[in-house]
Amino acid sequence: MTSGIEPILNPVLAAIICGETIGPMSLAGGVLVVCSVLGYSLSQIKQPSVPG
């Protein structure tokens, strides 16, 4: 989960600190990362873990 935070915070912090604008590709990338992390987390909840 924490590995998904850095790609999202990078453009946000650059916008806040350096005054850069967040472009449409950055927004699309952020949405992709959030959806991927969410999908992975939900798939791990549904599958029971095998003891071993």
C-alpha atoms as a PDB file:
ATOM      1  CA  MET A   1       0.000   0.000   0.000  1.00  0.00           C
ATOM      2  CA  THR A   2       2.736   2.467   0.873  1.00  0.00           C
ATOM      3  CA  SER A   3       4.485   1.864  -2.439  1.00  0.00           C
ATOM      4  CA  GLY A   4       1.441   3.381  -4.135  1.00  0.00           C
ATOM      5  CA  ILE A   5       1.732   6.642  -2.217  1.00  0.00           C
ATOM      6  CA  GLU A   6       4.981   7.958  -3.754  1.00  0.00           C
ATOM      7  CA  PRO A   7       3.825   8.198  -7.394  1.00  0.00           C
ATOM      8  CA  ILE A   8       0.770  10.142  -6.260  1.00  0.00           C
ATOM      9  CA  LEU A   9       2.521  12.475  -3.821  1.00  0.00           C
ATOM     10  CA  ASN A  10       5.352  13.326  -6.229  1.00  0.00           C
ATOM     11  CA  PRO A  11       3.322  15.554  -8.617  1.00  0.00           C
ATOM     12  CA  VAL A  12       1.191  16.895  -5.755  1.00  0.00           C
ATOM     13  CA  LEU A  13       4.217  17.996  -3.744  1.00  0.00           C
ATOM     14  CA  ALA A  14       5.845  19.449  -6.865  1.00  0.00           C
ATOM     15  CA  ALA A  15       2.677  21.470  -7.469  1.00  0.00           C
ATOM     16  CA  ILE A  16       2.571  22.712  -3.881  1.00  0.00           C
ATOM     17  CA  ILE A  17       6.267  23.405  -3.331  1.00  0.00           C
ATOM     18  CA  CYS A  18       7.512  24.392  -6.804  1.00  0.00           C
ATOM     19  CA  GLY A  19       4.303  25.803  -8.241  1.00  0.00           C
ATOM     20  CA  GLU A  20       4.153  23.307 -11.111  1.00  0.00           C
ATOM     21  CA  THR A  21       0.825  22.475 -12.694  1.00  0.00           C
ATOM     22  CA  ILE A  22      -0.574  18.964 -12.575  1.00  0.00           C
ATOM     23  CA  GLY A  23      -1.253  17.866 -16.140  1.00  0.00           C
ATOM     24  CA  PRO A  24      -3.863  15.428 -17.397  1.00  0.00           C
ATOM     25  CA  MET A  25      -1.306  12.622 -17.738  1.00  0.00           C
ATOM     26  CA  SER A  26      -0.307  13.029 -14.082  1.00  0.00           C
ATOM     27  CA  LEU A  27      -3.942  12.848 -13.050  1.00  0.00           C
ATOM     28  CA  ALA A  28      -4.479   9.766 -15.208  1.00  0.00           C
ATOM     29  CA  GLY A  29      -1.392   8.136 -13.716  1.00  0.00           C
ATOM     30  CA  GLY A  30      -2.575   8.884 -10.194  1.00  0.00           C
ATOM     31  CA  VAL A  31      -5.987   7.376 -10.908  1.00  0.00           C
ATOM     32  CA  LEU A  32      -4.305   4.310 -12.427  1.00  0.00           C
ATOM     33  CA  VAL A  33      -2.099   3.813  -9.359  1.00  0.00           C
ATOM     34  CA  VAL A  34      -5.000   4.237  -6.923  1.00  0.00           C
ATOM     35  CA  CYS A  35      -7.188   1.802  -8.873  1.00  0.00           C
ATOM     36  CA  SER A  36      -4.358  -0.725  -9.146  1.00  0.00           C
ATOM     37  CA  VAL A  37      -3.541  -0.631  -5.439  1.00  0.00           C
ATOM     38  CA  LEU A  38      -7.220  -0.836  -4.547  1.00  0.00           C
ATOM     39  CA  GLY A  39      -7.813  -3.743  -6.933  1.00  0.00           C
ATOM     40  CA  TYR A  40      -4.799  -5.631  -5.603  1.00  0.00           C
ATOM     41  CA  SER A  41      -5.857  -5.065  -1.998  1.00  0.00           C
ATOM     42  CA  LEU A  42      -9.393  -6.250  -2.701  1.00  0.00           C
ATOM     43  CA  SER A  43      -8.138  -9.345  -4.521  1.00  0.00           C
ATOM     44  CA  GLN A  44      -6.007 -10.257  -1.528  1.00  0.00           C
ATOM     45  CA  ILE A  45      -8.981  -9.963   0.808  1.00  0.00           C
ATOM     46  CA  LYS A  46     -11.162 -12.289  -1.284  1.00  0.00           C
ATOM     47  CA  GLN A  47      -8.561 -15.037  -1.643  1.00  0.00           C
ATOM     48  CA  PRO A  48      -7.952 -17.070   1.504  1.00  0.00           C
ATOM     49  CA  SER A  49      -4.292 -17.474   2.292  1.00  0.00           C
ATOM     50  CA  VAL A  50      -2.843 -20.952   2.215  1.00  0.00           C
ATOM     51  CA  PRO A  51      -1.012 -21.891   5.422  1.00  0.00           C
ATOM     52  CA  GLY A  52       2.409 -23.153   4.780  1.00  0.00           C
END
